Amino acid sequence: MPASVLARVASAFAEPFAGTLTHPQLRRALEAGRFYLRQTTDSDGTTLYRLFHQGLADHLRRHAHSMQRETGQGDRGVLLDRLLGPLGPPEARDWDAAEPYLLRHALQHAADANRVGELLVDPGFLLAADQVPTSAVQDCADANRLRQIVAVQEATRRLTTAPGHWAAFALNAVRAGLPELAVRAANPSSQAPLTWQPRWTAGRPSLGQAIEPTHTVVGAFGGAVQAVACTTVDGVPVAVTGSRGGAIRLWDLRERKLLCDPLTGPGAVSAVACTTLDGTPYAIIGSYQPKSSYHGYLTLSDPAVVEYTEGRVHMCNLRAAAE
């Protein structure tokens, strides 16, 4: 353990459960026991202390268990509380502040205290910690649900090279049928809530089934997207997006690319909807400027031109735009 963790947990074995040791007190204790200690360096450069022999560790562990049975001291729940205390309350822990040691061993301490579920419903822990093995939840009362949470963590970790891991976790949680977990992920205590928060999905894997990565970036460009609608053009799934700058873009969702150069309107696009009339796919578009409103529609099969007139509806051909 690093000194910062030792200072928190040592007092859990005192009577009554005292406060955190002061730095001088901890240094004196480490100096007194230095003959029995080994030191190594953790990934963040801090010094780790451990007993020099596993036999000594096993002996002291048996003594600690005996003391707990006789006096009630050294309760494992108290130990876990001391470990996690500096991170904040259970519903708003800041795992970015956790020592590497704590991220590696918090789950085992939680298992010793029969509180594994408390950590696994915390998206901050799941995003900061190593992959949780499914064996860690097999003895829990709600093991099926916790296994799905572990699957959500695994699916999200596959996307760690992409930005927005909180968003990826929230989306995977919704698809797994875990809306409360998704809400926590979309509203992290350590940062501002996500602008886009997933609420539901059309399909989700069955209980215990591994979850595949659920989203990808179709394309990127400057400016905010304010409206999106999807349709199919000659068997090709197409998304129509409208931006604040007035650009209308047609995306091939299968190939993840633009179908044509952006089409433009007189103002910010505020709404897009798709339909089919007499076999021709259309996108109806609402746009606005200050003191004016415009409506238009793309015909997905005539020349790909969008004409806007205030107070009127016009069309442009989406099928032609897709060719």
Protein backbone atom coordinates (compact mmCIF):
# COMPACT_ATOMS: atom_id res chain seq x y z
CA MET A 1 0.00 0.00 0.00
CA PRO A 2 1.13 3.60 -0.51
CA ALA A 3 1.51 5.77 2.58
CA SER A 4 -1.67 7.72 1.77
CA VAL A 5 -3.74 4.52 1.89
CA LEU A 6 -1.94 3.18 4.96
CA ALA A 7 -2.78 6.34 6.85
CA ARG A 8 -6.48 5.90 6.09
CA VAL A 9 -6.86 2.21 6.87
CA ALA A 10 -4.55 1.76 9.87
CA SER A 11 -6.97 3.47 12.21
CA ALA A 12 -9.71 0.99 11.24
CA PHE A 13 -7.93 -1.53 13.48
CA ALA A 14 -7.74 0.82 16.48
CA GLU A 15 -10.27 1.12 19.31
CA PRO A 16 -12.52 2.91 18.82
CA PHE A 17 -12.22 3.49 15.08
CA ALA A 18 -10.00 6.54 15.17
CA GLY A 19 -9.37 9.19 12.57
CA THR A 20 -6.69 9.16 9.90
CA LEU A 21 -3.12 8.91 11.18
CA THR A 22 -1.07 12.06 10.96
CA HIS A 23 1.99 12.07 8.73
CA PRO A 24 4.44 12.02 11.67
CA GLN A 25 2.54 9.13 13.30
CA LEU A 26 2.66 7.12 10.09
CA ARG A 27 6.37 7.78 9.59
CA ARG A 28 7.15 6.63 13.12
CA ALA A 29 5.15 3.43 12.57
CA LEU A 30 6.91 2.69 9.28
CA GLU A 31 10.28 3.35 10.87
CA ALA A 32 9.50 1.03 13.78
CA GLY A 33 8.48 -1.80 11.46
CA ARG A 34 11.00 -1.22 8.66
CA PHE A 35 12.73 -4.59 9.31
CA TYR A 36 9.54 -6.41 8.24
CA LEU A 37 8.75 -4.25 5.21
CA ARG A 38 9.66 -4.22 1.54
CA GLN A 39 9.37 -1.17 -0.69
CA THR A 40 8.54 -0.98 -4.40
CA THR A 41 7.51 1.82 -6.74
CA ASP A 42 3.99 2.08 -8.15
CA SER A 43 3.06 3.19 -11.67
CA ASP A 44 2.60 6.80 -10.51
CA GLY A 45 6.00 6.90 -8.80
CA THR A 46 4.75 6.57 -5.22
CA THR A 47 6.35 4.14 -2.77
CA LEU A 48 4.45 0.96 -1.92
CA TYR A 49 4.96 -0.88 1.38
CA ARG A 50 4.32 -4.57 1.93
CA LEU A 51 5.35 -7.23 4.43
CA PHE A 52 8.54 -8.92 3.36
CA HIS A 53 7.17 -12.48 3.60
CA GLN A 54 3.78 -13.95 2.70
CA GLY A 55 3.92 -16.24 5.76
CA LEU A 56 4.04 -13.20 8.02
CA ALA A 57 1.13 -11.64 6.14
CA ASP A 58 -0.93 -14.83 6.55
CA HIS A 59 -0.12 -14.96 10.28
CA LEU A 60 -1.18 -11.36 10.87
CA ARG A 61 -4.32 -11.87 8.79
CA ARG A 62 -5.37 -14.80 11.00
CA HIS A 63 -4.66 -12.68 14.07
CA ALA A 64 -6.76 -9.84 12.64
CA HIS A 65 -9.68 -12.21 12.00
CA SER A 66 -9.46 -13.52 15.56
CA MET A 67 -9.38 -9.96 16.92
CA GLN A 68 -12.42 -9.06 14.85
CA ARG A 69 -14.42 -12.00 16.22
CA GLU A 70 -13.48 -11.17 19.81
CA THR A 71 -13.68 -7.36 19.82
CA GLY A 72 -15.47 -6.31 16.65
CA GLN A 73 -12.43 -4.25 15.61
CA GLY A 74 -11.08 -4.33 12.08
CA ASP A 75 -14.51 -4.66 10.47
CA ARG A 76 -14.05 -5.07 6.72
CA GLY A 77 -16.88 -2.68 5.94
CA VAL A 78 -15.13 -0.01 7.99
CA LEU A 79 -11.90 -0.80 6.18
CA LEU A 80 -13.59 -0.31 2.80
CA ASP A 81 -15.14 2.95 3.97
CA ARG A 82 -11.70 4.21 5.02
CA LEU A 83 -10.20 3.21 1.69
CA LEU A 84 -12.85 5.00 -0.35
CA GLY A 85 -13.56 7.91 1.99
CA PRO A 86 -11.44 10.59 0.24
CA LEU A 87 -13.19 9.92 -3.08
CA GLY A 88 -16.47 11.34 -1.82
CA PRO A 89 -19.89 9.87 -0.98
CA PRO A 90 -20.89 6.56 -2.63
CA GLU A 91 -23.22 8.23 -5.12
CA ALA A 92 -20.58 10.75 -6.28
CA ARG A 93 -17.11 9.24 -5.90
CA ASP A 94 -14.32 10.85 -7.92
CA TRP A 95 -12.28 7.88 -9.13
CA ASP A 96 -9.84 10.17 -10.91
CA ALA A 97 -8.52 10.95 -7.43
CA ALA A 98 -7.92 7.28 -6.55
CA GLU A 99 -4.41 5.92 -6.15
CA PRO A 100 -3.39 3.21 -8.67
CA TYR A 101 -3.23 0.77 -5.76
CA LEU A 102 -6.84 1.51 -4.86
CA LEU A 103 -8.02 1.00 -8.44
CA ARG A 104 -6.31 -2.40 -8.51
CA HIS A 105 -7.53 -3.65 -5.16
CA ALA A 106 -10.83 -1.88 -4.39
CA LEU A 107 -12.88 -4.73 -5.86
CA GLN A 108 -11.18 -7.34 -3.65
CA HIS A 109 -11.73 -5.21 -0.54
CA ALA A 110 -15.37 -4.77 -1.60
CA ALA A 111 -15.70 -8.56 -2.00
CA ASP A 112 -14.29 -9.06 1.51
CA ALA A 113 -16.98 -6.67 2.79
CA ASN A 114 -19.75 -8.25 0.65
CA ARG A 115 -20.19 -4.93 -1.20
CA VAL A 116 -19.14 -5.75 -4.76
CA GLY A 117 -22.41 -4.44 -6.15
CA GLU A 118 -21.75 -1.01 -4.65
CA LEU A 119 -18.70 -0.59 -6.88
CA LEU A 120 -20.14 -2.18 -10.01
CA VAL A 121 -23.08 0.23 -10.20
CA ASP A 122 -20.59 3.13 -10.24
CA PRO A 123 -19.65 3.99 -13.86
CA GLY A 124 -16.70 6.06 -12.62
CA PHE A 125 -15.12 2.97 -11.08
CA LEU A 126 -15.81 0.80 -14.12
CA LEU A 127 -14.24 3.36 -16.46
CA ALA A 128 -11.17 3.88 -14.25
CA ALA A 129 -10.47 0.32 -13.11
CA ASP A 130 -9.14 -2.71 -14.96
CA GLN A 131 -11.56 -5.11 -16.57
CA VAL A 132 -13.69 -6.80 -13.90
CA PRO A 133 -13.66 -10.63 -14.20
CA THR A 134 -17.09 -12.24 -14.29
CA SER A 135 -15.94 -14.52 -11.46
CA ALA A 136 -16.03 -11.48 -9.17
CA VAL A 137 -19.85 -11.45 -9.24
CA GLN A 138 -20.72 -15.15 -9.22
CA ASP A 139 -21.48 -15.23 -5.49
CA CYS A 140 -23.48 -11.98 -5.45
CA ALA A 141 -27.22 -12.03 -4.87
CA ASP A 142 -27.91 -10.15 -8.13
CA ALA A 143 -25.20 -11.94 -10.14
CA ASN A 144 -27.12 -11.87 -13.45
CA ARG A 145 -27.51 -8.09 -13.40
CA LEU A 146 -23.90 -7.57 -12.32
CA ARG A 147 -22.69 -9.81 -15.15
CA GLN A 148 -24.47 -7.53 -17.59
CA ILE A 149 -22.77 -4.53 -16.01
CA VAL A 150 -19.41 -6.27 -16.46
CA ALA A 151 -20.34 -6.85 -20.12
CA VAL A 152 -21.11 -3.14 -20.49
CA GLN A 153 -17.67 -2.32 -19.08
CA GLU A 154 -15.99 -4.74 -21.48
CA ALA A 155 -17.83 -3.34 -24.52
CA THR A 156 -16.92 0.22 -23.52
CA ARG A 157 -13.25 -0.61 -22.95
CA ARG A 158 -13.01 -1.72 -26.59
CA LEU A 159 -13.75 1.90 -27.52
CA THR A 160 -11.21 3.55 -25.21
CA THR A 161 -9.26 4.94 -28.19
CA ALA A 162 -12.32 7.00 -29.15
CA PRO A 163 -13.31 10.20 -27.32
CA GLY A 164 -16.37 10.32 -25.11
CA HIS A 165 -16.02 7.12 -23.08
CA TRP A 166 -18.73 8.31 -20.67
CA ALA A 167 -21.12 8.58 -23.63
CA ALA A 168 -20.10 5.15 -24.89
CA PHE A 169 -20.72 3.64 -21.46
CA ALA A 170 -24.14 5.32 -21.16
CA LEU A 171 -25.17 4.06 -24.59
CA ASN A 172 -24.02 0.51 -23.85
CA ALA A 173 -25.87 0.58 -20.52
CA VAL A 174 -29.13 1.58 -22.23
CA ARG A 175 -28.73 -1.18 -24.82
CA ALA A 176 -28.14 -3.68 -22.02
CA GLY A 177 -31.41 -2.69 -20.34
CA LEU A 178 -29.74 -0.83 -17.45
CA PRO A 179 -31.30 2.67 -17.58
CA GLU A 180 -30.30 3.69 -14.03
CA LEU A 181 -26.67 2.89 -14.78
CA ALA A 182 -26.95 4.89 -18.01
CA VAL A 183 -28.29 7.92 -16.13
CA ARG A 184 -25.33 7.80 -13.71
CA ALA A 185 -22.90 7.56 -16.63
CA ALA A 186 -24.54 10.46 -18.43
CA ASN A 187 -24.33 12.63 -15.29
CA PRO A 188 -20.82 12.01 -13.88
CA SER A 189 -19.98 13.73 -10.62
CA SER A 190 -16.53 14.76 -11.85
CA GLN A 191 -17.68 16.71 -14.92
CA ALA A 192 -20.65 18.38 -16.58
CA PRO A 193 -23.59 16.19 -17.66
CA LEU A 194 -23.48 14.85 -21.21
CA THR A 195 -25.25 17.08 -23.72
CA TRP A 196 -26.78 14.02 -25.44
CA GLN A 197 -28.09 11.45 -22.99
CA PRO A 198 -29.41 8.09 -24.33
CA ARG A 199 -32.83 7.13 -22.95
CA TRP A 200 -33.89 4.01 -24.86
CA THR A 201 -32.92 1.69 -27.69
CA ALA A 202 -34.86 -0.41 -30.18
CA GLY A 203 -33.07 -3.61 -29.27
CA ARG A 204 -30.78 -5.06 -26.62
CA PRO A 205 -28.91 -8.32 -26.06
CA SER A 206 -30.40 -11.05 -23.92
CA LEU A 207 -29.33 -11.46 -20.31
CA GLY A 208 -25.74 -12.59 -20.00
CA GLN A 209 -25.00 -12.23 -23.71
CA ALA A 210 -21.77 -10.41 -24.54
CA ILE A 211 -22.40 -6.90 -25.82
CA GLU A 212 -20.70 -5.80 -29.00
CA PRO A 213 -19.55 -2.19 -29.45
CA THR A 214 -22.73 -0.30 -30.24
CA HIS A 215 -21.79 2.86 -32.08
CA THR A 216 -19.31 4.39 -34.43
CA VAL A 217 -18.54 7.81 -35.87
CA VAL A 218 -20.13 8.10 -39.31
CA GLY A 219 -18.47 11.43 -40.12
CA ALA A 220 -17.27 14.66 -38.60
CA PHE A 221 -17.43 18.32 -39.57
CA GLY A 222 -17.48 21.71 -37.92
CA GLY A 223 -20.71 23.03 -36.44
CA ALA A 224 -23.56 21.56 -34.46
CA VAL A 225 -26.03 19.04 -35.87
CA GLN A 226 -29.54 20.14 -34.88
CA ALA A 227 -31.71 17.62 -36.73
CA VAL A 228 -31.35 14.01 -37.91
CA ALA A 229 -33.66 11.60 -39.73
CA CYS A 230 -33.08 8.21 -41.36
CA THR A 231 -34.57 6.40 -44.34
CA THR A 232 -33.66 3.85 -47.00
CA VAL A 233 -32.85 4.78 -50.61
CA ASP A 234 -32.75 1.80 -52.99
CA GLY A 235 -31.78 -0.51 -50.16
CA VAL A 236 -29.11 1.81 -48.78
CA PRO A 237 -29.64 3.11 -45.21
CA VAL A 238 -29.32 6.89 -45.36
CA ALA A 239 -29.20 9.57 -42.67
CA VAL A 240 -30.15 13.17 -43.41
CA THR A 241 -28.60 15.72 -41.04
CA GLY A 242 -29.23 19.42 -40.74
CA SER A 243 -26.74 21.80 -39.14
CA ARG A 244 -26.91 25.15 -37.44
CA GLY A 245 -25.06 26.64 -40.42
CA GLY A 246 -27.82 25.56 -42.83
CA ALA A 247 -25.99 22.62 -44.40
CA ILE A 248 -27.96 19.48 -45.24
CA ARG A 249 -25.86 16.31 -45.52
CA LEU A 250 -26.79 12.86 -46.80
CA TRP A 251 -24.85 9.99 -45.22
CA ASP A 252 -24.48 6.41 -46.38
CA LEU A 253 -24.74 4.58 -43.04
CA ARG A 254 -23.42 1.33 -44.46
CA GLU A 255 -20.22 2.82 -45.91
CA ARG A 256 -20.07 5.63 -43.31
CA LYS A 257 -19.49 8.39 -45.86
CA LEU A 258 -21.18 11.39 -47.44
CA LEU A 259 -23.30 10.63 -50.50
CA CYS A 260 -22.84 14.07 -52.04
CA ASP A 261 -21.58 17.55 -51.32
CA PRO A 262 -23.55 19.35 -48.60
CA LEU A 263 -26.75 21.05 -49.73
CA THR A 264 -27.43 24.49 -48.32
CA GLY A 265 -30.43 26.48 -47.19
CA PRO A 266 -31.01 30.07 -46.06
CA GLY A 267 -30.72 29.46 -42.32
CA ALA A 268 -30.20 27.01 -39.49
CA VAL A 269 -31.92 23.66 -40.00
CA SER A 270 -34.20 22.96 -37.06
CA ALA A 271 -36.10 19.83 -38.15
CA VAL A 272 -35.77 16.90 -40.56
CA ALA A 273 -38.22 14.07 -41.25
CA CYS A 274 -38.29 11.32 -43.89
CA THR A 275 -41.15 9.68 -45.78
CA THR A 276 -41.92 7.92 -49.07
CA LEU A 277 -44.57 9.02 -51.59
CA ASP A 278 -45.36 6.93 -54.68
CA GLY A 279 -42.10 5.06 -54.24
CA THR A 280 -39.98 8.20 -53.97
CA PRO A 281 -38.15 8.87 -50.70
CA TYR A 282 -38.37 12.42 -49.37
CA ALA A 283 -36.79 14.38 -46.56
CA ILE A 284 -38.87 17.27 -45.22
CA ILE A 285 -36.73 20.06 -43.81
CA GLY A 286 -37.52 22.98 -41.57
CA SER A 287 -35.18 25.96 -41.50
CA TYR A 288 -35.28 29.40 -39.99
CA GLN A 289 -33.72 32.82 -39.95
CA PRO A 290 -34.45 35.64 -37.52
CA LYS A 291 -38.03 36.83 -38.11
CA SER A 292 -38.54 34.25 -40.88
CA SER A 293 -39.27 30.54 -41.15
CA TYR A 294 -38.72 28.26 -44.13
CA HIS A 295 -39.74 24.75 -45.02
CA GLY A 296 -38.46 22.54 -47.79
CA TYR A 297 -38.21 18.93 -48.73
CA LEU A 298 -35.62 16.86 -50.52
CA THR A 299 -36.97 14.47 -53.13
CA LEU A 300 -34.55 11.65 -52.97
CA SER A 301 -34.99 10.97 -56.76
CA ASP A 302 -35.02 14.22 -58.92
CA PRO A 303 -32.15 16.73 -59.26
CA ALA A 304 -30.57 17.23 -55.86
CA VAL A 305 -31.55 20.84 -55.39
CA VAL A 306 -33.12 22.40 -52.34
CA GLU A 307 -35.27 25.47 -52.96
CA TYR A 308 -36.58 27.50 -50.05
CA THR A 309 -39.32 30.08 -50.08
CA GLU A 310 -40.66 31.72 -46.98
CA GLY A 311 -43.90 30.09 -45.96
CA ARG A 312 -43.82 27.47 -48.76
CA VAL A 313 -42.74 23.86 -49.13
CA HIS A 314 -40.29 22.80 -51.87
CA MET A 315 -38.57 19.55 -52.65
CA CYS A 316 -35.29 18.07 -53.76
CA ASN A 317 -34.65 14.52 -54.93
CA LEU A 318 -32.81 12.30 -52.45
CA ARG A 319 -32.42 9.39 -54.81
CA ALA A 320 -30.61 11.61 -57.31
CA ALA A 321 -28.49 12.98 -54.51
CA ALA A 322 -27.50 9.46 -53.55
CA GLU A 323 -26.37 8.58 -57.08
